[in-house]
Amino acid sequence: MVFECEGLAVEVYCDFIPSHPHEFVNLIFEVISSSKILWGVSSGDLYDFELHWKTISTRQSTLTDSERAATISTGAVILLNRLFYDMISKAPHVQAKWNEIFGNPALRTFDKEMILTAALISCGLGANAWIWAYENLTPVLVKFRGKRCLGLVPDLVFKWDSQCEFFLVASDSFFVDKAFVLLARHSGREPIPLYTRCLFPYDIVFEEQ
């Protein structure tokens, strides 16, 4: 049996990390603010990840490439954990503070690792899936109904011979009244539609249109 899914077309970007510190901080703040439930239970996960890979980083010579990337990402996790703590503690002028912090070029070397970690939390996997995600998934920016969200798309989707289209399809509610699933549809000439389910936050409230 073959199904043709009816969904809402969305804009999806692979190359989206802002170069300007102010725009980068705005994106991270927006991602966290939109997905408060999943981020609200992430602090222990971030702390455990940081502690685990700090310890393992002392044996660099025996690490795989993915494990070495994970040890490097501890810098990103530390920054993300501190930023998140500042947000939930409602520290004064918190966004201006982080604009200044990310104005330091040395800290922008963790951008990709920070975005991957933020996407893992937003999609409900958590930082402990970091190595698997690093090897198999690509973080993407999804724009939908005035909000910017982070999703995760299997790497194989971007290796298809032809382009793909992305859709959000309504799913069963979990944390919110109406959740969505992100689907990639192969736009080739196959006789049946080919879909790949991607990862997408399931706790974001979108305005009805």
N, C-alpha and C. Protein backbone atom coordinates (compact mmCIF):
# COMPACT_ATOMS: atom_id res chain seq x y z
N MET A 1 0.85 -1.19 0.00
CA MET A 1 0.00 0.00 0.00
C MET A 1 0.89 1.24 0.00
N VAL A 2 0.55 2.21 -0.82
CA VAL A 2 1.34 3.43 -0.95
C VAL A 2 0.50 4.62 -0.49
N PHE A 3 1.10 5.46 0.32
CA PHE A 3 0.42 6.65 0.82
C PHE A 3 1.08 7.90 0.25
N GLU A 4 0.25 8.86 -0.10
CA GLU A 4 0.74 10.19 -0.49
C GLU A 4 0.43 11.13 0.67
N CYS A 5 1.48 11.63 1.30
CA CYS A 5 1.28 12.48 2.48
C CYS A 5 0.94 13.91 2.05
N GLU A 6 0.00 14.48 2.75
CA GLU A 6 -0.34 15.88 2.53
C GLU A 6 0.19 16.70 3.70
N GLY A 7 1.10 17.58 3.40
CA GLY A 7 1.71 18.37 4.46
C GLY A 7 1.85 19.82 4.06
N LEU A 8 2.47 20.58 4.94
CA LEU A 8 2.70 22.00 4.73
C LEU A 8 4.15 22.20 4.31
N ALA A 9 4.36 22.75 3.13
CA ALA A 9 5.72 22.98 2.64
C ALA A 9 6.44 23.97 3.55
N VAL A 10 7.71 23.68 3.84
CA VAL A 10 8.50 24.55 4.70
C VAL A 10 9.86 24.82 4.07
N GLU A 11 10.46 25.92 4.49
CA GLU A 11 11.81 26.26 4.06
C GLU A 11 12.80 25.59 5.00
N VAL A 12 13.75 24.86 4.42
CA VAL A 12 14.76 24.17 5.21
C VAL A 12 16.15 24.56 4.69
N TYR A 13 17.04 24.91 5.61
CA TYR A 13 18.37 25.39 5.24
C TYR A 13 19.45 24.56 5.94
N CYS A 14 20.45 24.16 5.18
CA CYS A 14 21.59 23.43 5.75
C CYS A 14 22.73 24.38 6.15
N ASP A 15 22.91 25.41 5.37
CA ASP A 15 23.99 26.38 5.61
C ASP A 15 23.36 27.64 6.16
N PHE A 16 23.27 27.76 7.46
CA PHE A 16 22.46 28.83 8.03
C PHE A 16 23.09 29.52 9.25
N ILE A 17 24.25 29.09 9.69
CA ILE A 17 24.81 29.65 10.92
C ILE A 17 25.22 31.10 10.68
N PRO A 18 24.62 32.05 11.42
CA PRO A 18 24.93 33.47 11.21
C PRO A 18 26.38 33.77 11.58
N SER A 19 27.00 34.64 10.80
CA SER A 19 28.38 35.02 11.10
C SER A 19 28.44 36.13 12.15
N HIS A 20 27.42 36.98 12.19
CA HIS A 20 27.42 38.09 13.15
C HIS A 20 27.04 37.58 14.54
N PRO A 21 27.81 37.94 15.58
CA PRO A 21 27.52 37.44 16.93
C PRO A 21 26.10 37.73 17.40
N HIS A 22 25.60 38.93 17.12
CA HIS A 22 24.26 39.31 17.56
C HIS A 22 23.21 38.38 16.93
N GLU A 23 23.34 38.08 15.64
CA GLU A 23 22.38 37.21 14.95
C GLU A 23 22.49 35.78 15.44
N PHE A 24 23.70 35.33 15.74
CA PHE A 24 23.90 33.98 16.26
C PHE A 24 23.23 33.82 17.62
N VAL A 25 23.44 34.78 18.49
CA VAL A 25 22.82 34.74 19.82
C VAL A 25 21.30 34.80 19.71
N ASN A 26 20.79 35.64 18.82
CA ASN A 26 19.34 35.72 18.61
C ASN A 26 18.76 34.36 18.22
N LEU A 27 19.46 33.64 17.34
CA LEU A 27 18.99 32.34 16.90
C LEU A 27 18.95 31.35 18.06
N ILE A 28 20.01 31.28 18.84
CA ILE A 28 20.06 30.35 19.96
C ILE A 28 18.97 30.68 20.98
N PHE A 29 18.79 31.96 21.28
CA PHE A 29 17.75 32.37 22.23
C PHE A 29 16.37 32.00 21.71
N GLU A 30 16.14 32.19 20.42
CA GLU A 30 14.84 31.88 19.83
C GLU A 30 14.57 30.37 19.88
N VAL A 31 15.58 29.58 19.58
CA VAL A 31 15.44 28.12 19.60
C VAL A 31 15.09 27.63 21.00
N ILE A 32 15.79 28.15 22.00
CA ILE A 32 15.52 27.72 23.38
C ILE A 32 14.15 28.19 23.84
N SER A 33 13.82 29.42 23.55
CA SER A 33 12.55 29.99 24.00
C SER A 33 11.35 29.28 23.38
N SER A 34 11.50 28.81 22.14
CA SER A 34 10.39 28.16 21.45
C SER A 34 10.14 26.74 21.93
N SER A 35 11.15 26.14 22.52
CA SER A 35 11.07 24.72 22.91
C SER A 35 11.35 24.58 24.40
N LYS A 36 10.56 25.27 25.20
CA LYS A 36 10.85 25.39 26.63
C LYS A 36 10.75 24.06 27.38
N ILE A 37 9.84 23.19 26.97
CA ILE A 37 9.65 21.94 27.71
C ILE A 37 10.87 21.04 27.59
N LEU A 38 11.32 20.81 26.35
CA LEU A 38 12.47 19.94 26.14
C LEU A 38 13.75 20.54 26.71
N TRP A 39 13.92 21.84 26.58
CA TRP A 39 15.10 22.48 27.14
C TRP A 39 15.04 22.50 28.67
N GLY A 40 13.83 22.53 29.20
CA GLY A 40 13.69 22.56 30.65
C GLY A 40 14.20 21.31 31.36
N VAL A 41 14.33 20.22 30.62
CA VAL A 41 14.83 18.98 31.22
C VAL A 41 16.21 18.61 30.65
N SER A 42 16.94 19.58 30.15
CA SER A 42 18.20 19.29 29.47
C SER A 42 19.45 19.59 30.30
N SER A 43 19.31 20.31 31.40
CA SER A 43 20.50 20.78 32.12
C SER A 43 21.36 19.63 32.63
N GLY A 44 20.72 18.57 33.15
CA GLY A 44 21.50 17.42 33.63
C GLY A 44 22.20 16.72 32.49
N ASP A 45 21.55 16.62 31.36
CA ASP A 45 22.12 16.00 30.18
C ASP A 45 23.36 16.74 29.71
N LEU A 46 23.28 18.06 29.66
CA LEU A 46 24.43 18.87 29.26
C LEU A 46 25.58 18.73 30.25
N TYR A 47 25.24 18.73 31.53
CA TYR A 47 26.28 18.60 32.57
C TYR A 47 26.98 17.24 32.47
N ASP A 48 26.20 16.17 32.31
CA ASP A 48 26.78 14.82 32.20
C ASP A 48 27.69 14.71 30.98
N PHE A 49 27.25 15.29 29.85
CA PHE A 49 28.05 15.25 28.63
C PHE A 49 29.38 15.95 28.85
N GLU A 50 29.31 17.13 29.42
CA GLU A 50 30.52 17.91 29.68
C GLU A 50 31.49 17.14 30.56
N LEU A 51 31.00 16.55 31.63
CA LEU A 51 31.84 15.82 32.58
C LEU A 51 32.45 14.58 31.93
N HIS A 52 31.64 13.86 31.16
CA HIS A 52 32.09 12.62 30.52
C HIS A 52 33.22 12.87 29.54
N TRP A 53 33.05 13.84 28.63
CA TRP A 53 34.04 14.04 27.57
C TRP A 53 35.25 14.83 28.05
N LYS A 54 35.12 15.57 29.13
CA LYS A 54 36.30 16.19 29.72
C LYS A 54 37.27 15.12 30.21
N THR A 55 36.72 14.06 30.81
CA THR A 55 37.53 12.96 31.34
C THR A 55 38.19 12.18 30.21
N ILE A 56 37.43 11.87 29.16
CA ILE A 56 37.93 11.06 28.05
C ILE A 56 38.97 11.82 27.22
N SER A 57 38.88 13.15 27.21
CA SER A 57 39.79 13.94 26.37
C SER A 57 41.25 13.76 26.75
N THR A 58 41.53 13.18 27.92
CA THR A 58 42.92 13.00 28.36
C THR A 58 43.61 11.87 27.58
N ARG A 59 42.86 11.03 26.87
CA ARG A 59 43.46 9.95 26.08
C ARG A 59 43.23 10.18 24.58
N GLN A 60 43.59 11.34 24.11
CA GLN A 60 43.36 11.75 22.73
C GLN A 60 43.92 10.75 21.71
N SER A 61 45.04 10.13 21.99
CA SER A 61 45.72 9.29 21.00
C SER A 61 44.92 8.05 20.64
N THR A 62 44.00 7.62 21.48
CA THR A 62 43.24 6.40 21.21
C THR A 62 41.80 6.67 20.75
N LEU A 63 41.45 7.92 20.52
CA LEU A 63 40.08 8.26 20.17
C LEU A 63 39.82 8.11 18.68
N THR A 64 38.59 7.77 18.32
CA THR A 64 38.18 7.80 16.91
C THR A 64 37.94 9.25 16.51
N ASP A 65 37.76 9.49 15.21
CA ASP A 65 37.50 10.85 14.74
C ASP A 65 36.24 11.42 15.38
N SER A 66 35.20 10.60 15.49
CA SER A 66 33.95 11.06 16.08
C SER A 66 34.11 11.37 17.56
N GLU A 67 34.86 10.53 18.26
CA GLU A 67 35.09 10.78 19.69
C GLU A 67 35.93 12.03 19.89
N ARG A 68 36.89 12.24 18.99
CA ARG A 68 37.71 13.45 19.08
C ARG A 68 36.86 14.70 18.85
N ALA A 69 35.91 14.61 17.92
CA ALA A 69 34.98 15.73 17.68
C ALA A 69 34.13 15.98 18.91
N ALA A 70 33.74 14.90 19.59
CA ALA A 70 32.92 15.05 20.79
C ALA A 70 33.69 15.74 21.91
N THR A 71 34.98 15.43 22.03
CA THR A 71 35.77 16.10 23.07
C THR A 71 35.92 17.58 22.76
N ILE A 72 36.08 17.90 21.48
CA ILE A 72 36.15 19.31 21.09
C ILE A 72 34.84 20.02 21.40
N SER A 73 33.74 19.29 21.22
CA SER A 73 32.42 19.90 21.42
C SER A 73 32.12 20.23 22.88
N THR A 74 32.95 19.75 23.81
CA THR A 74 32.69 20.10 25.22
C THR A 74 32.74 21.61 25.41
N GLY A 75 33.55 22.30 24.63
CA GLY A 75 33.57 23.76 24.71
C GLY A 75 32.24 24.35 24.34
N ALA A 76 31.61 23.79 23.30
CA ALA A 76 30.29 24.25 22.88
C ALA A 76 29.24 23.95 23.94
N VAL A 77 29.33 22.76 24.53
CA VAL A 77 28.35 22.36 25.55
C VAL A 77 28.47 23.23 26.80
N ILE A 78 29.69 23.54 27.18
CA ILE A 78 29.90 24.43 28.33
C ILE A 78 29.24 25.78 28.08
N LEU A 79 29.49 26.35 26.90
CA LEU A 79 28.89 27.65 26.57
C LEU A 79 27.37 27.57 26.54
N LEU A 80 26.86 26.51 25.94
CA LEU A 80 25.41 26.36 25.82
C LEU A 80 24.76 26.18 27.19
N ASN A 81 25.40 25.43 28.04
CA ASN A 81 24.88 25.22 29.39
C ASN A 81 24.84 26.53 30.18
N ARG A 82 25.91 27.32 30.06
CA ARG A 82 25.96 28.60 30.78
C ARG A 82 24.92 29.57 30.23
N LEU A 83 24.78 29.59 28.90
CA LEU A 83 23.79 30.47 28.27
C LEU A 83 22.38 30.10 28.72
N PHE A 84 22.09 28.80 28.72
CA PHE A 84 20.77 28.33 29.13
C PHE A 84 20.50 28.68 30.59
N TYR A 85 21.51 28.53 31.45
CA TYR A 85 21.34 28.86 32.86
C TYR A 85 21.04 30.35 33.03
N ASP A 86 21.75 31.18 32.27
CA ASP A 86 21.49 32.63 32.34
C ASP A 86 20.06 32.96 31.91
N MET A 87 19.57 32.24 30.90
CA MET A 87 18.21 32.50 30.42
C MET A 87 17.17 32.14 31.48
N ILE A 88 17.29 30.94 32.08
CA ILE A 88 16.26 30.51 33.03
C ILE A 88 16.36 31.24 34.36
N SER A 89 17.54 31.77 34.68
CA SER A 89 17.69 32.53 35.91
C SER A 89 17.29 33.99 35.73
N LYS A 90 16.96 34.33 34.47
CA LYS A 90 16.52 35.68 34.12
C LYS A 90 17.53 36.74 34.58
N ALA A 91 18.78 36.44 34.30
CA ALA A 91 19.85 37.38 34.63
C ALA A 91 19.66 38.67 33.85
N PRO A 92 19.96 39.82 34.46
CA PRO A 92 19.76 41.09 33.75
C PRO A 92 20.69 41.23 32.55
N HIS A 93 20.14 41.81 31.48
CA HIS A 93 20.91 42.08 30.26
C HIS A 93 21.60 40.82 29.72
N VAL A 94 20.93 39.69 29.84
CA VAL A 94 21.56 38.42 29.48
C VAL A 94 21.91 38.35 27.99
N GLN A 95 21.04 38.87 27.14
CA GLN A 95 21.32 38.77 25.71
C GLN A 95 22.49 39.66 25.32
N ALA A 96 22.57 40.85 25.90
CA ALA A 96 23.69 41.75 25.62
C ALA A 96 25.00 41.12 26.11
N LYS A 97 24.93 40.42 27.24
CA LYS A 97 26.11 39.74 27.77
C LYS A 97 26.63 38.70 26.78
N TRP A 98 25.72 37.91 26.21
CA TRP A 98 26.15 36.85 25.30
C TRP A 98 26.51 37.39 23.92
N ASN A 99 25.96 38.53 23.55
CA ASN A 99 26.41 39.18 22.32
C ASN A 99 27.90 39.52 22.45
N GLU A 100 28.26 40.00 23.63
CA GLU A 100 29.66 40.37 23.86
C GLU A 100 30.55 39.13 23.91
N ILE A 101 30.07 38.07 24.58
CA ILE A 101 30.85 36.84 24.68
C ILE A 101 31.14 36.26 23.30
N PHE A 102 30.12 36.19 22.44
CA PHE A 102 30.32 35.61 21.12
C PHE A 102 30.97 36.59 20.15
N GLY A 103 31.24 37.78 20.63
CA GLY A 103 32.06 38.70 19.84
C GLY A 103 33.52 38.30 19.83
N ASN A 104 33.88 37.35 20.71
CA ASN A 104 35.25 36.83 20.77
C ASN A 104 35.41 35.76 19.69
N PRO A 105 36.22 36.00 18.65
CA PRO A 105 36.36 35.04 17.54
C PRO A 105 36.78 33.65 18.00
N ALA A 106 37.54 33.56 19.10
CA ALA A 106 38.01 32.26 19.57
C ALA A 106 36.85 31.36 19.98
N LEU A 107 35.75 31.95 20.42
CA LEU A 107 34.60 31.15 20.86
C LEU A 107 33.68 30.75 19.71
N ARG A 108 33.88 31.36 18.55
CA ARG A 108 33.04 31.03 17.39
C ARG A 108 33.53 29.76 16.68
N THR A 109 34.63 29.18 17.16
CA THR A 109 35.11 27.94 16.56
C THR A 109 34.21 26.76 16.92
N PHE A 110 33.31 26.96 17.90
CA PHE A 110 32.42 25.89 18.34
C PHE A 110 31.02 26.00 17.73
N ASP A 111 30.84 26.88 16.76
CA ASP A 111 29.48 27.14 16.25
C ASP A 111 28.76 25.86 15.80
N LYS A 112 29.41 25.06 14.96
CA LYS A 112 28.75 23.87 14.41
C LYS A 112 28.41 22.87 15.51
N GLU A 113 29.35 22.70 16.45
CA GLU A 113 29.10 21.78 17.56
C GLU A 113 27.96 22.27 18.45
N MET A 114 27.89 23.58 18.64
CA MET A 114 26.82 24.13 19.46
C MET A 114 25.46 23.96 18.79
N ILE A 115 25.41 24.18 17.48
CA ILE A 115 24.15 24.03 16.75
C ILE A 115 23.70 22.57 16.77
N LEU A 116 24.63 21.62 16.59
CA LEU A 116 24.27 20.21 16.65
C LEU A 116 23.73 19.85 18.03
N THR A 117 24.38 20.33 19.08
CA THR A 117 23.92 20.05 20.44
C THR A 117 22.54 20.66 20.68
N ALA A 118 22.34 21.89 20.24
CA ALA A 118 21.05 22.55 20.41
C ALA A 118 19.95 21.81 19.65
N ALA A 119 20.28 21.31 18.46
CA ALA A 119 19.30 20.57 17.67
C ALA A 119 18.93 19.25 18.35
N LEU A 120 19.92 18.58 18.95
CA LEU A 120 19.65 17.33 19.66
C LEU A 120 18.69 17.54 20.82
N ILE A 121 18.89 18.62 21.55
CA ILE A 121 18.00 18.91 22.68
C ILE A 121 16.62 19.29 22.18
N SER A 122 16.56 20.15 21.18
CA SER A 122 15.28 20.61 20.66
C SER A 122 14.44 19.47 20.08
N CYS A 123 15.13 18.46 19.53
CA CYS A 123 14.42 17.33 18.90
C CYS A 123 14.17 16.19 19.88
N GLY A 124 14.56 16.36 21.13
CA GLY A 124 14.24 15.39 22.16
C GLY A 124 15.19 14.22 22.30
N LEU A 125 16.35 14.26 21.62
CA LEU A 125 17.31 13.16 21.75
C LEU A 125 18.27 13.37 22.91
N GLY A 126 18.72 14.61 23.09
CA GLY A 126 19.66 14.89 24.16
C GLY A 126 21.11 14.77 23.71
N ALA A 127 21.99 15.36 24.47
CA ALA A 127 23.41 15.44 24.10
C ALA A 127 24.11 14.09 24.11
N ASN A 128 23.56 13.10 24.81
CA ASN A 128 24.21 11.79 24.85
C ASN A 128 24.16 11.06 23.51
N ALA A 129 23.36 11.57 22.58
CA ALA A 129 23.32 10.98 21.23
C ALA A 129 24.27 11.73 20.29
N TRP A 130 25.19 12.48 20.84
CA TRP A 130 26.01 13.40 20.05
C TRP A 130 26.83 12.67 18.98
N ILE A 131 27.54 11.62 19.35
CA ILE A 131 28.41 10.95 18.39
C ILE A 131 27.60 10.34 17.25
N TRP A 132 26.52 9.65 17.60
CA TRP A 132 25.67 9.06 16.56
C TRP A 132 25.13 10.13 15.63
N ALA A 133 24.68 11.26 16.19
CA ALA A 133 24.15 12.35 15.37
C ALA A 133 25.24 12.96 14.50
N TYR A 134 26.42 13.13 15.06
CA TYR A 134 27.56 13.68 14.31
C TYR A 134 27.87 12.82 13.09
N GLU A 135 27.71 11.50 13.22
CA GLU A 135 28.05 10.58 12.13
C GLU A 135 26.91 10.40 11.12
N ASN A 136 25.67 10.69 11.53
CA ASN A 136 24.53 10.32 10.69
C ASN A 136 23.53 11.41 10.35
N LEU A 137 23.55 12.53 11.05
CA LEU A 137 22.52 13.55 10.89
C LEU A 137 23.12 14.91 10.55
N THR A 138 22.32 15.72 9.86
CA THR A 138 22.71 17.09 9.53
C THR A 138 21.73 18.06 10.18
N PRO A 139 22.22 19.01 10.99
CA PRO A 139 21.31 20.01 11.56
C PRO A 139 20.78 20.93 10.46
N VAL A 140 19.52 21.27 10.54
CA VAL A 140 18.91 22.19 9.57
C VAL A 140 18.11 23.24 10.29
N LEU A 141 17.93 24.37 9.63
CA LEU A 141 17.07 25.42 10.13
C LEU A 141 15.74 25.34 9.38
N VAL A 142 14.65 25.26 10.13
CA VAL A 142 13.32 25.18 9.55
C VAL A 142 12.56 26.46 9.89
N LYS A 143 12.02 27.11 8.86
CA LYS A 143 11.22 28.31 9.07
C LYS A 143 9.75 27.97 8.84
N PHE A 144 8.93 28.24 9.86
CA PHE A 144 7.51 27.88 9.76
C PHE A 144 6.68 28.81 10.64
N ARG A 145 5.71 29.46 10.03
CA ARG A 145 4.77 30.33 10.72
C ARG A 145 5.45 31.33 11.64
N GLY A 146 6.46 31.97 11.09
CA GLY A 146 7.13 33.05 11.80
C GLY A 146 8.15 32.62 12.83
N LYS A 147 8.41 31.31 12.95
CA LYS A 147 9.39 30.83 13.92
C LYS A 147 10.53 30.10 13.21
N ARG A 148 11.69 30.16 13.85
CA ARG A 148 12.84 29.41 13.37
C ARG A 148 13.11 28.26 14.34
N CYS A 149 13.23 27.07 13.80
CA CYS A 149 13.43 25.87 14.62
C CYS A 149 14.61 25.08 14.08
N LEU A 150 15.23 24.29 14.94
CA LEU A 150 16.30 23.40 14.51
C LEU A 150 15.76 21.99 14.34
N GLY A 151 16.05 21.37 13.21
CA GLY A 151 15.70 19.99 12.97
C GLY A 151 16.95 19.19 12.65
N LEU A 152 16.78 17.88 12.49
CA LEU A 152 17.89 16.99 12.14
C LEU A 152 17.45 16.09 10.99
N VAL A 153 18.25 16.08 9.94
CA VAL A 153 17.91 15.33 8.73
C VAL A 153 18.98 14.26 8.50
N PRO A 154 18.58 13.02 8.21
CA PRO A 154 19.58 11.98 7.91
C PRO A 154 20.49 12.41 6.76
N ASP A 155 21.77 12.16 6.90
CA ASP A 155 22.74 12.57 5.88
C ASP A 155 22.40 12.01 4.50
N LEU A 156 21.83 10.81 4.46
CA LEU A 156 21.53 10.17 3.18
C LEU A 156 20.56 10.98 2.33
N VAL A 157 19.70 11.76 2.98
CA VAL A 157 18.74 12.59 2.24
C VAL A 157 19.48 13.54 1.30
N PHE A 158 20.60 14.06 1.76
CA PHE A 158 21.34 15.03 0.95
C PHE A 158 22.27 14.36 -0.05
N LYS A 159 22.26 13.03 -0.07
CA LYS A 159 23.06 12.30 -1.05
C LYS A 159 22.21 11.75 -2.18
N TRP A 160 20.91 12.03 -2.15
CA TRP A 160 20.04 11.61 -3.25
C TRP A 160 20.49 12.29 -4.54
N ASP A 161 20.22 11.63 -5.66
CA ASP A 161 20.63 12.16 -6.96
C ASP A 161 19.86 13.43 -7.32
N SER A 162 18.63 13.54 -6.88
CA SER A 162 17.83 14.73 -7.16
C SER A 162 17.48 15.45 -5.87
N GLN A 163 16.91 16.62 -6.01
CA GLN A 163 16.57 17.43 -4.84
C GLN A 163 15.40 16.83 -4.09
N CYS A 164 15.20 17.32 -2.87
CA CYS A 164 14.06 16.86 -2.09
C CYS A 164 13.29 18.08 -1.58
N GLU A 165 12.04 17.83 -1.25
CA GLU A 165 11.18 18.86 -0.68
C GLU A 165 10.89 18.48 0.77
N PHE A 166 10.64 19.49 1.58
CA PHE A 166 10.37 19.23 2.99
C PHE A 166 8.96 19.70 3.35
N PHE A 167 8.31 18.88 4.18
CA PHE A 167 6.95 19.17 4.61
C PHE A 167 6.82 18.92 6.11
N LEU A 168 5.93 19.67 6.73
CA LEU A 168 5.51 19.38 8.10
C LEU A 168 4.13 18.76 8.04
N VAL A 169 3.99 17.61 8.69
CA VAL A 169 2.73 16.88 8.71
C VAL A 169 2.24 16.81 10.14
N ALA A 170 0.97 17.13 10.35
CA ALA A 170 0.40 17.09 11.70
C ALA A 170 0.48 15.68 12.27
N SER A 171 0.81 15.58 13.55
CA SER A 171 0.92 14.28 14.20
C SER A 171 0.11 14.29 15.50
N ASP A 172 0.11 13.17 16.18
CA ASP A 172 -0.59 13.10 17.46
C ASP A 172 0.04 14.08 18.44
N SER A 173 -0.80 14.73 19.23
CA SER A 173 -0.29 15.70 20.21
C SER A 173 0.42 14.97 21.33
N PHE A 174 1.40 15.65 21.90
CA PHE A 174 2.15 15.09 23.02
C PHE A 174 2.24 16.14 24.12
N PHE A 175 3.14 17.10 23.92
CA PHE A 175 3.24 18.20 24.87
C PHE A 175 2.32 19.36 24.53
N VAL A 176 2.01 19.50 23.25
CA VAL A 176 1.20 20.64 22.80
C VAL A 176 -0.02 20.12 22.05
N ASP A 177 -0.98 21.02 21.79
CA ASP A 177 -2.23 20.61 21.14
C ASP A 177 -2.01 20.06 19.74
N LYS A 178 -1.04 20.63 19.02
CA LYS A 178 -0.81 20.20 17.65
C LYS A 178 0.68 20.14 17.37
N ALA A 179 1.19 18.92 17.26
CA ALA A 179 2.61 18.72 16.98
C ALA A 179 2.78 18.39 15.49
N PHE A 180 4.04 18.48 15.03
CA PHE A 180 4.31 18.23 13.62
C PHE A 180 5.50 17.28 13.46
N VAL A 181 5.47 16.55 12.34
CA VAL A 181 6.57 15.68 11.93
C VAL A 181 7.18 16.28 10.67
N LEU A 182 8.51 16.31 10.60
CA LEU A 182 9.20 16.82 9.42
C LEU A 182 9.51 15.66 8.48
N LEU A 183 9.04 15.77 7.24
CA LEU A 183 9.28 14.75 6.23
C LEU A 183 10.06 15.32 5.06
N ALA A 184 10.99 14.53 4.54
CA ALA A 184 11.68 14.86 3.29
C ALA A 184 11.09 13.99 2.19
N ARG A 185 10.70 14.60 1.07
CA ARG A 185 10.14 13.84 -0.05
C ARG A 185 11.07 13.95 -1.25
N HIS A 186 11.45 12.80 -1.74
CA HIS A 186 12.32 12.72 -2.91
C HIS A 186 11.55 13.21 -4.13
N SER A 187 12.12 14.13 -4.88
CA SER A 187 11.43 14.74 -6.01
C SER A 187 11.85 14.14 -7.35
N GLY A 188 12.28 12.88 -7.35
CA GLY A 188 12.68 12.22 -8.58
C GLY A 188 11.48 11.67 -9.34
N ARG A 189 11.74 10.78 -10.28
CA ARG A 189 10.69 10.27 -11.16
C ARG A 189 10.23 8.86 -10.78
N GLU A 190 10.46 8.46 -9.55
CA GLU A 190 10.04 7.14 -9.11
C GLU A 190 8.52 7.03 -9.18
N PRO A 191 8.00 5.83 -9.47
CA PRO A 191 6.55 5.66 -9.60
C PRO A 191 5.80 5.80 -8.27
N ILE A 192 6.50 5.69 -7.16
CA ILE A 192 5.85 5.86 -5.86
C ILE A 192 6.58 6.95 -5.09
N PRO A 193 5.88 7.69 -4.23
CA PRO A 193 6.55 8.74 -3.45
C PRO A 193 7.51 8.14 -2.43
N LEU A 194 8.68 8.74 -2.31
CA LEU A 194 9.68 8.29 -1.34
C LEU A 194 9.82 9.33 -0.25
N TYR A 195 9.63 8.91 0.99
CA TYR A 195 9.68 9.83 2.13
C TYR A 195 10.74 9.36 3.13
N THR A 196 11.34 10.33 3.80
CA THR A 196 12.21 10.04 4.93
C THR A 196 11.76 10.90 6.10
N ARG A 197 11.52 10.27 7.22
CA ARG A 197 11.14 11.04 8.41
C ARG A 197 12.39 11.64 9.03
N CYS A 198 12.30 12.92 9.34
CA CYS A 198 13.39 13.64 9.97
C CYS A 198 13.01 13.95 11.42
N LEU A 199 13.93 14.51 12.16
CA LEU A 199 13.66 14.85 13.56
C LEU A 199 13.30 16.32 13.67
N PHE A 200 12.29 16.60 14.49
CA PHE A 200 11.78 17.96 14.61
C PHE A 200 11.20 18.13 16.02
N PRO A 201 11.32 19.33 16.60
CA PRO A 201 10.78 19.55 17.95
C PRO A 201 9.27 19.27 18.01
N TYR A 202 8.86 18.62 19.09
CA TYR A 202 7.44 18.29 19.23
C TYR A 202 6.77 19.04 20.39
N ASP A 203 7.41 20.10 20.85
CA ASP A 203 6.81 20.86 21.95
C ASP A 203 6.64 22.35 21.62
N ILE A 204 6.72 22.70 20.33
CA ILE A 204 6.61 24.10 19.93
C ILE A 204 5.16 24.43 19.56
N VAL A 205 4.67 25.55 20.06
CA VAL A 205 3.33 26.00 19.74
C VAL A 205 3.42 26.99 18.57
N PHE A 206 2.78 26.65 17.46
CA PHE A 206 2.77 27.52 16.30
C PHE A 206 1.40 28.20 16.20
N GLU A 207 1.43 29.44 15.74
CA GLU A 207 0.18 30.17 15.54
C GLU A 207 -0.59 29.55 14.37
N GLU A 208 -1.89 29.38 14.54
CA GLU A 208 -2.72 28.87 13.45
C GLU A 208 -2.87 29.94 12.36
N GLN A 209 -2.88 29.48 11.11
CA GLN A 209 -3.03 30.41 10.00
C GLN A 209 -4.14 29.92 9.07
